[in-house]
Protein backbone atom coordinates (compact mmCIF):
# COMPACT_ATOMS: atom_id res chain seq x y z
CA MET A 1 39.86 105.86 141.28
CA LYS A 2 38.95 105.20 137.71
CA ILE A 3 40.29 108.72 136.58
CA GLU A 4 43.47 108.56 138.05
CA ASN A 5 44.06 105.58 136.38
CA LYS A 6 43.82 107.29 133.46
CA ILE A 7 45.65 109.86 134.93
CA ASP A 8 48.31 108.09 135.57
CA THR A 9 47.99 106.77 132.60
CA LEU A 10 48.01 109.46 129.44
CA ILE A 11 51.21 110.74 132.29
CA ARG A 12 53.10 108.07 132.04
CA ARG A 13 52.81 107.50 128.12
CA PHE A 14 53.64 111.28 127.86
CA ALA A 15 56.71 110.22 129.43
CA ALA A 16 57.60 107.77 127.56
CA VAL A 17 57.03 109.79 124.20
CA LEU A 18 58.84 112.74 125.75
CA PHE A 19 61.49 109.95 126.85
CA GLY A 20 61.62 108.67 122.85
CA VAL A 21 62.11 112.32 121.49
CA TRP A 22 64.72 112.66 124.41
CA TYR A 23 66.88 109.81 123.35
CA LEU A 24 65.97 110.63 119.30
CA ILE A 25 67.38 113.82 119.68
CA GLY A 26 70.32 113.38 122.12
CA GLY A 27 71.27 110.35 119.52
CA VAL A 28 71.69 112.74 116.68
CA LEU A 29 73.58 114.94 117.87
CA SER A 30 75.95 111.93 119.62
CA ALA A 31 76.09 111.06 116.27
CA GLU A 32 76.69 114.45 115.27
CA ALA A 33 79.86 115.03 117.85
CA GLY A 34 81.32 111.99 116.58
CA ASP A 35 81.24 112.53 113.28
CA LYS A 36 82.82 115.29 113.94
CA ASP A 37 85.26 114.30 116.46
CA THR A 38 86.19 111.42 113.57
CA VAL A 39 86.63 113.63 110.74
CA GLU A 40 88.62 115.76 113.30
CA TRP A 41 92.20 114.80 111.11
CA SER A 42 91.45 114.55 107.37
CA GLN A 43 93.89 115.05 105.68
CA TRP A 44 98.25 115.60 106.03
CA ARG A 45 98.94 117.55 109.02
CA GLY A 46 95.37 117.75 110.03
CA PRO A 47 92.56 119.60 109.77
CA ASN A 48 93.76 123.01 107.86
CA ARG A 49 97.25 120.91 107.45
CA ASP A 50 99.69 122.72 110.50
CA GLY A 51 99.84 120.00 112.35
CA ILE A 52 97.31 121.92 115.17
CA SER A 53 94.55 119.88 116.15
CA SER A 54 91.72 121.97 118.15
CA GLU A 55 91.40 118.95 120.63
CA THR A 56 91.21 120.15 123.69
CA GLY A 57 90.26 118.68 127.51
CA PHE A 58 93.00 115.02 126.70
CA ILE A 59 94.48 114.04 129.72
CA LYS A 60 98.00 115.29 130.62
CA ASN A 61 99.22 113.14 133.42
CA TRP A 62 100.40 110.38 132.13
CA SER A 63 101.62 107.36 134.53
CA SER A 64 105.36 106.45 133.31
CA ALA A 65 104.26 103.82 130.95
CA GLY A 66 101.90 106.31 129.08
CA PRO A 67 98.08 106.89 128.36
CA ASN A 68 95.83 103.77 128.09
CA VAL A 69 96.53 101.28 125.13
CA LEU A 70 93.36 100.83 123.78
CA TRP A 71 94.13 98.79 120.76
CA GLN A 72 97.10 97.80 118.33
CA ILE A 73 97.23 95.72 115.57
CA PRO A 74 100.16 94.15 113.20
CA LEU A 75 100.18 96.16 110.50
CA GLY A 76 102.96 95.78 106.75
CA ASP A 77 105.66 98.59 105.77
CA GLY A 78 105.18 102.24 104.94
CA TYR A 79 105.52 105.33 106.50
CA SER A 80 102.28 106.24 105.06
CA GLY A 81 100.06 108.78 107.83
CA ILE A 82 97.15 108.04 108.93
CA SER A 83 93.34 110.05 108.72
CA ILE A 84 89.95 109.54 110.65
CA GLY A 85 86.72 110.23 108.91
CA HIS A 86 83.54 108.57 109.56
CA GLY A 87 84.96 106.92 112.83
CA LYS A 88 87.19 104.90 110.53
CA ILE A 89 90.50 105.59 110.11
CA TYR A 90 92.31 105.55 106.19
CA THR A 91 96.39 104.64 106.09
CA MET A 92 98.28 102.85 103.00
CA PHE A 93 101.12 99.91 103.74
CA ALA A 94 102.65 97.49 102.24
CA GLU A 95 102.06 93.93 102.76
CA GLY A 96 104.14 91.02 100.66
CA ASP A 97 104.63 92.10 97.10
CA ASP A 98 101.13 94.76 96.66
CA GLU A 99 101.18 98.18 98.37
CA PHE A 100 97.04 99.12 99.63
CA ILE A 101 94.78 101.16 101.22
CA ILE A 102 93.47 100.32 103.94
CA CYS A 103 90.05 100.88 105.66
CA LEU A 104 89.92 100.05 109.71
CA ASN A 105 87.19 100.98 112.30
CA ALA A 106 89.07 104.12 114.79
CA SER A 107 87.11 101.62 117.61
CA ASP A 108 89.25 98.22 117.54
CA GLY A 109 91.32 99.19 114.58
CA GLU A 110 89.94 95.59 112.62
CA GLU A 111 89.43 96.39 109.44
CA VAL A 112 86.65 96.97 107.37
CA TRP A 113 87.85 96.98 103.01
CA ARG A 114 91.36 96.80 101.21
CA PHE A 115 92.14 97.68 98.10
CA ARG A 116 95.50 96.74 96.14
CA SER A 117 97.25 99.98 94.68
CA GLY A 118 100.00 98.01 93.02
CA ALA A 119 103.02 96.95 93.17
CA LYS A 120 105.27 96.67 96.46
CA PHE A 121 107.50 99.98 96.71
CA THR A 122 111.01 99.10 97.50
CA GLU A 123 113.82 101.33 99.08
CA GLN A 124 117.17 100.98 101.38
CA ARG A 125 114.91 103.78 103.49
CA GLY A 126 111.81 102.08 104.11
CA ASP A 127 109.16 99.86 101.95
CA GLY A 128 105.69 100.84 101.20
CA PRO A 129 103.74 103.75 101.25
CA ARG A 130 104.61 107.09 101.60
CA SER A 131 101.71 109.40 101.27
CA MET A 132 98.76 109.60 103.22
CA PRO A 133 95.06 109.32 101.89
CA THR A 134 93.11 112.66 102.00
CA VAL A 135 89.13 112.32 103.33
CA ASP A 136 86.41 114.40 101.62
CA GLY A 137 83.34 113.31 102.51
CA ASP A 138 81.97 109.76 101.06
CA SER A 139 85.68 109.89 98.97
CA VAL A 140 89.29 109.00 99.36
CA PHE A 141 91.53 109.70 97.81
CA ALA A 142 95.33 108.18 98.13
CA LEU A 143 98.85 108.56 95.79
CA ALA A 144 100.33 105.00 95.42
CA ALA A 145 104.24 104.94 95.83
CA THR A 146 104.85 105.32 92.08
CA GLY A 147 103.06 107.75 91.05
CA LYS A 148 99.11 105.79 90.63
CA LEU A 149 96.21 108.14 92.38
CA TYR A 150 93.19 106.87 92.96
CA ALA A 151 89.99 108.17 94.16
CA LEU A 152 88.26 105.08 96.56
CA ASP A 153 84.61 105.17 97.73
CA ALA A 154 85.02 105.60 101.26
CA HIS A 155 83.01 103.21 103.06
CA ASP A 156 83.42 99.88 101.03
CA GLY A 157 86.36 100.94 99.13
CA LYS A 158 85.19 100.65 95.37
CA GLU A 159 87.23 102.19 93.08
CA LEU A 160 85.65 105.13 91.38
CA TRP A 161 88.84 106.43 89.15
CA SER A 162 92.56 106.27 88.29
CA ARG A 163 95.48 108.53 87.18
CA ASP A 164 98.86 107.38 86.54
CA PHE A 165 101.42 109.75 86.82
CA VAL A 166 104.40 108.17 85.07
CA GLU A 167 102.03 106.72 82.11
CA GLU A 168 100.31 110.01 81.29
CA PHE A 169 102.65 113.23 82.33
CA GLY A 170 105.32 111.52 82.26
CA SER A 171 106.10 111.99 85.68
CA LYS A 172 109.68 109.95 87.15
CA ILE A 173 109.85 107.98 90.34
CA PRO A 174 111.56 109.86 92.62
CA ILE A 175 113.75 107.85 94.92
CA TRP A 176 112.02 107.95 97.60
CA GLY A 177 108.90 107.70 96.06
CA PHE A 178 106.36 110.32 95.40
CA SER A 179 105.06 111.21 99.37
CA SER A 180 103.08 114.45 98.47
CA SER A 181 99.50 114.22 100.08
CA PRO A 182 97.11 115.43 97.86
CA LEU A 183 94.98 118.44 97.92
CA VAL A 184 91.19 118.97 97.51
CA GLU A 185 90.35 122.29 96.85
CA GLY A 186 86.58 122.66 96.08
CA ASN A 187 85.36 120.70 93.91
CA LEU A 188 88.91 119.93 92.89
CA ILE A 189 91.93 117.57 93.46
CA ILE A 190 95.43 119.71 93.23
CA ALA A 191 98.62 117.36 93.29
CA GLU A 192 101.70 117.44 92.71
CA ALA A 193 102.53 114.83 89.71
CA GLY A 194 106.20 116.17 88.32
CA GLY A 195 104.91 115.55 84.75
CA LYS A 196 106.85 116.55 81.73
CA ASP A 197 106.31 120.21 79.85
CA GLY A 198 103.70 122.24 82.58
CA LYS A 199 103.04 119.12 83.67
CA ALA A 200 104.46 119.29 87.49
CA ILE A 201 101.47 120.40 88.35
CA VAL A 202 97.85 118.98 88.10
CA ALA A 203 94.08 119.96 89.33
CA PHE A 204 91.57 116.66 88.64
CA ASP A 205 87.85 117.34 88.56
CA LYS A 206 87.39 115.15 92.01
CA THR A 207 83.76 113.10 90.74
CA SER A 208 84.93 112.26 87.53
CA GLY A 209 88.99 112.48 87.70
CA ASP A 210 89.38 114.71 84.59
CA VAL A 211 92.40 116.50 84.40
CA VAL A 212 90.60 120.57 84.38
CA TRP A 213 94.32 121.88 84.48
CA THR A 214 98.39 121.99 84.45
CA ASN A 215 100.92 123.95 84.88
CA HIS A 216 104.64 123.87 86.03
CA THR A 217 107.68 121.86 84.67
CA ASP A 218 110.27 120.65 88.05
CA ASP A 219 111.14 117.44 88.88
CA VAL A 220 108.49 116.05 91.38
CA GLY A 221 109.77 117.36 95.51
CA TYR A 222 108.00 115.13 98.67
CA SER A 223 106.39 118.39 100.19
CA SER A 224 103.10 118.28 100.17
CA PRO A 225 100.87 121.38 99.41
CA ILE A 226 98.96 124.07 101.54
CA PRO A 227 96.22 127.10 100.72
CA VAL A 228 96.35 130.29 101.59
CA ASP A 229 94.89 133.03 101.64
CA PHE A 230 96.11 136.89 100.70
CA GLY A 231 95.08 139.82 100.42
CA GLY A 232 91.91 138.78 99.61
CA VAL A 233 93.43 136.24 97.08
CA ARG A 234 92.85 132.04 97.15
CA GLN A 235 96.56 130.58 96.22
CA ILE A 236 97.90 126.63 97.12
CA ILE A 237 101.78 126.55 98.53
CA PHE A 238 103.66 123.62 96.72
CA LEU A 239 106.96 123.08 97.15
CA THR A 240 109.19 121.06 94.07
CA ALA A 241 112.34 119.58 93.65
CA ARG A 242 113.52 123.58 93.20
CA THR A 243 110.90 126.32 93.20
CA LEU A 244 108.37 127.68 95.66
CA LEU A 245 105.82 128.55 93.92
CA SER A 246 102.07 129.55 94.33
CA VAL A 247 99.08 129.32 92.31
CA ALA A 248 95.38 129.94 91.77
CA PRO A 249 92.63 126.66 92.47
CA ALA A 250 90.41 128.05 89.30
CA ASP A 251 92.98 127.25 86.68
CA GLY A 252 96.11 127.17 87.56
CA GLN A 253 98.02 131.01 86.65
CA ILE A 254 100.80 130.71 89.23
CA TYR A 255 100.83 134.58 90.96
CA TRP A 256 105.32 134.03 92.12
CA LYS A 257 107.55 131.85 92.63
CA TYR A 258 110.78 131.02 94.40
CA SER A 259 114.30 129.46 93.68
CA TRP A 260 115.08 127.05 96.14
CA PRO A 261 118.66 124.86 95.34
CA GLU A 262 117.78 121.27 94.29
CA GLY A 263 117.54 118.37 96.81
CA ILE A 264 115.47 116.46 98.69
CA ASN A 265 112.50 118.74 99.90
CA ILE A 266 110.17 116.50 102.24
CA ALA A 267 108.51 119.73 105.32
CA THR A 268 105.18 121.23 104.00
CA PRO A 269 105.44 125.02 103.77
CA ILE A 270 103.96 126.85 106.30
CA PHE A 271 101.61 129.77 106.34
CA ILE A 272 101.72 133.27 108.67
CA PRO A 273 99.48 134.83 109.16
CA ASP A 274 98.72 137.30 107.13
CA ASP A 275 101.13 137.86 104.48
CA LYS A 276 104.41 135.11 105.71
CA ILE A 277 105.64 131.62 104.23
CA PHE A 278 108.38 130.00 105.98
CA ILE A 279 110.06 126.70 104.20
CA SER A 280 112.53 124.42 105.82
CA ALA A 281 115.06 121.75 104.46
CA SER A 282 117.69 119.39 105.49
CA TYR A 283 120.94 118.56 103.64
CA ASP A 284 122.58 121.29 105.59
CA LYS A 285 119.35 123.31 103.77
CA GLY A 286 117.88 125.11 106.04
CA ALA A 287 114.87 127.76 106.52
CA VAL A 288 114.28 131.28 104.20
CA LEU A 289 111.25 133.46 105.40
CA LEU A 290 109.82 135.32 103.20
CA ARG A 291 106.68 137.82 102.95
CA MET A 292 104.12 138.57 100.00
CA THR A 293 103.36 141.45 98.71
CA ALA A 294 100.70 142.80 97.07
CA ASP A 295 100.57 145.74 93.97
CA GLY A 296 97.46 146.17 92.71
CA ASP A 297 95.80 142.90 91.25
CA LYS A 298 100.22 141.13 90.75
CA ILE A 299 101.72 139.39 93.92
CA GLY A 300 104.31 139.39 94.88
CA ILE A 301 107.50 137.23 97.36
CA GLU A 302 110.74 138.27 99.27
CA GLU A 303 113.37 136.82 101.50
CA VAL A 304 112.89 138.34 105.20
CA TRP A 305 115.50 136.46 107.02
CA LYS A 306 117.51 132.71 105.28
CA SER A 307 118.96 130.74 107.81
CA ARG A 308 120.41 127.32 109.01
CA VAL A 309 118.58 127.59 111.95
CA MET A 310 115.77 124.73 110.83
CA LYS A 311 116.31 122.15 108.94
CA ASN A 312 113.38 120.26 109.45
CA HIS A 313 114.29 116.63 107.44
CA PHE A 314 111.19 114.12 107.48
CA ASN A 315 108.09 116.76 108.96
CA SER A 316 107.23 119.71 109.27
CA SER A 317 107.48 122.67 112.10
CA VAL A 318 104.44 124.54 113.70
CA LEU A 319 103.49 127.58 114.17
CA GLN A 320 102.35 128.58 118.04
CA GLY A 321 101.91 132.19 118.31
CA ASP A 322 105.20 134.28 116.83
CA TYR A 323 107.41 131.11 117.51
CA LEU A 324 107.71 128.04 114.87
CA TYR A 325 108.87 124.36 116.84
CA GLY A 326 110.10 121.95 114.77
CA PHE A 327 113.38 119.72 114.41
CA ASP A 328 116.02 120.80 113.24
CA ASN A 329 117.71 118.07 111.60
CA ALA A 330 117.88 115.19 114.57
CA ILE A 331 117.35 118.45 117.99
CA LEU A 332 114.41 119.91 118.94
CA THR A 333 114.28 122.95 117.93
CA CYS A 334 112.29 126.42 119.33
CA ILE A 335 113.37 129.50 117.45
CA GLU A 336 111.03 133.07 117.00
CA ALA A 337 110.01 133.30 113.22
CA ASP A 338 109.66 136.93 112.56
CA THR A 339 113.64 136.68 113.19
CA GLY A 340 115.14 133.33 112.55
CA GLU A 341 116.19 133.72 115.95
CA GLU A 342 116.85 130.47 118.42
CA GLN A 343 115.13 130.64 121.73
CA TRP A 344 116.04 126.77 122.97
CA ARG A 345 117.22 123.49 122.30
CA HIS A 346 116.59 120.51 122.95
CA ARG A 347 118.52 116.11 122.62
CA GLY A 348 117.17 112.96 122.87
CA PHE A 349 114.37 112.47 121.12
CA GLY A 350 116.71 112.00 116.93
CA LYS A 351 114.58 112.95 114.29
CA GLY A 352 111.19 113.08 114.71
CA SER A 353 107.38 115.05 114.28
CA LEU A 354 104.87 116.61 116.54
CA LEU A 355 101.72 118.42 116.63
CA LEU A 356 99.81 121.16 118.52
CA ALA A 357 96.74 120.25 120.67
CA ASP A 358 95.24 122.91 123.32
CA GLY A 359 98.99 124.13 124.54
CA TYR A 360 100.64 120.91 124.43
CA PHE A 361 103.19 119.14 122.07
CA ILE A 362 102.84 115.41 121.31
CA ILE A 363 106.15 114.92 120.37
CA LEU A 364 107.38 110.98 118.20
CA GLY A 365 111.48 110.16 118.51
CA GLU A 366 112.06 107.71 115.18
CA GLY A 367 113.26 105.82 117.59
CA GLY A 368 109.77 105.55 119.48
CA LYS A 369 110.12 107.97 122.11
CA LEU A 370 106.39 109.49 123.58
CA ALA A 371 106.61 112.23 125.04
CA LEU A 372 104.26 115.45 126.06
CA ALA A 373 105.53 118.45 126.57
CA GLU A 374 103.90 122.23 126.64
CA ALA A 375 104.76 125.07 123.72
CA SER A 376 106.90 127.36 126.11
CA PRO A 377 109.19 130.15 123.60
CA SER A 378 110.96 130.42 127.19
CA GLU A 379 112.66 127.03 127.38
CA TYR A 380 112.12 122.92 126.86
CA ARG A 381 109.33 122.02 129.39
CA GLU A 382 108.59 118.31 129.54
CA LYS A 383 104.82 116.99 130.92
CA ALA A 384 105.50 113.31 130.16
CA ARG A 385 107.86 110.86 128.62
CA PHE A 386 107.94 107.20 127.84
CA GLN A 387 109.23 105.01 125.47
CA LEU A 388 106.03 103.33 122.91
CA PHE A 389 107.91 101.41 119.85
CA ASP A 390 111.08 99.73 119.66
CA ASP A 391 110.74 100.34 116.08
CA LYS A 392 111.30 103.21 113.49
CA CYS A 393 109.09 105.47 113.49
CA TRP A 394 108.81 107.71 110.92
CA THR A 395 105.13 108.52 110.60
CA VAL A 396 103.36 111.73 112.45
CA PRO A 397 100.76 110.68 115.23
CA THR A 398 97.08 111.80 114.14
CA LEU A 399 94.80 112.46 117.25
CA ALA A 400 91.44 112.61 116.45
CA GLY A 401 87.93 112.14 119.33
CA GLY A 402 90.46 111.91 122.50
CA LYS A 403 92.73 109.16 120.68
CA LEU A 404 96.62 109.53 119.51
CA TYR A 405 96.52 107.55 116.57
CA LEU A 406 100.64 105.57 116.12
CA ARG A 407 102.19 103.68 113.30
CA THR A 408 105.56 102.00 112.89
CA GLN A 409 106.58 99.88 109.77
CA LYS A 410 104.55 96.64 111.85
CA GLU A 411 102.36 97.79 114.15
CA MET A 412 100.04 100.66 114.83
CA VAL A 413 98.17 101.80 118.48
CA CYS A 414 95.45 103.03 119.40
CA LEU A 415 95.53 105.04 123.17
CA ASP A 416 93.19 106.36 124.85
CA LEU A 417 93.72 110.50 125.79
CA ARG A 418 90.36 111.19 127.24
């Protein structure tokens, strides 16, 4: 009996140790999975700056009231997008006479820290900051509407460094404020500064904030840059006030330029593999598809087509397969990317924004209508729609970890799509 008791004791101890190991491994794997989910949307337009999420399996059968609301909090003025990283939310807003970069818990919307980024920017189209913070490792990079770039500690909001575009580079604050979201490229932060005398585009060391290089001369636009690879060459594509251009991230060398009519350029360029760039703008400008060409070590650009079929205003189109989907001003439109040929048009949202996930578009109209529709080039196929807000919605939604984050100039909402 004593031997049996000893064996039972050993078995129980072994089981306890085994359970502890299992629990520890499970916790680590769960944390890693959680980190993977929460880092999914750490910059402008998502992981690849293209409005596409890798999320799958979220619920598609919404009730008439929409998905469950996990939490809802008041939030002040601003059009800043919502970045997710470390299980935290990073965005910008204005309150009183000040603007802030803020960090919230993604689980419940509770404030973790806030950092004052300057005086409140005011304008008749809407007050507050425009740019979306970029999360990179333990740092957050954010651009105030008045042109001051900040690097902050992501965990406590402590300032690491800052640069003032207006004071240092002779930049002029655009009518609607600085809106471009900073790009992390290796050890650099690359931003559109709009400075004079070859300082329109500036690269900073992301650790120290030191200027690494500057290039190009043009007024600042409202569009954000994207990285592309073509012919084994890494490029950063910018759409400034009058120019679409490609620069080398290492030293700022300009590979090519394409003149674009002066005006309000807001939408982000879209890379269409393996060699094409699409840009679009409202105010009767339209769109153009360009092809990059290689001649030895030189890269050129040529027009494929130019049309007024797609005129993106404050948000960009999304590429799915061979088709581009986006808002032609206030009409949701699908066109064939290679030809610009219109496939279908759908009214009912006003102007709006969209993101693509798991073969579906999540669409947010400027008047607060939220919809889910299949990504189909043959026709508009709506799965669900409901009225979420009764306020201006000019901020693109963010999807991460099965949660959909949205904001107006008065509040932020987190919807559960799991």
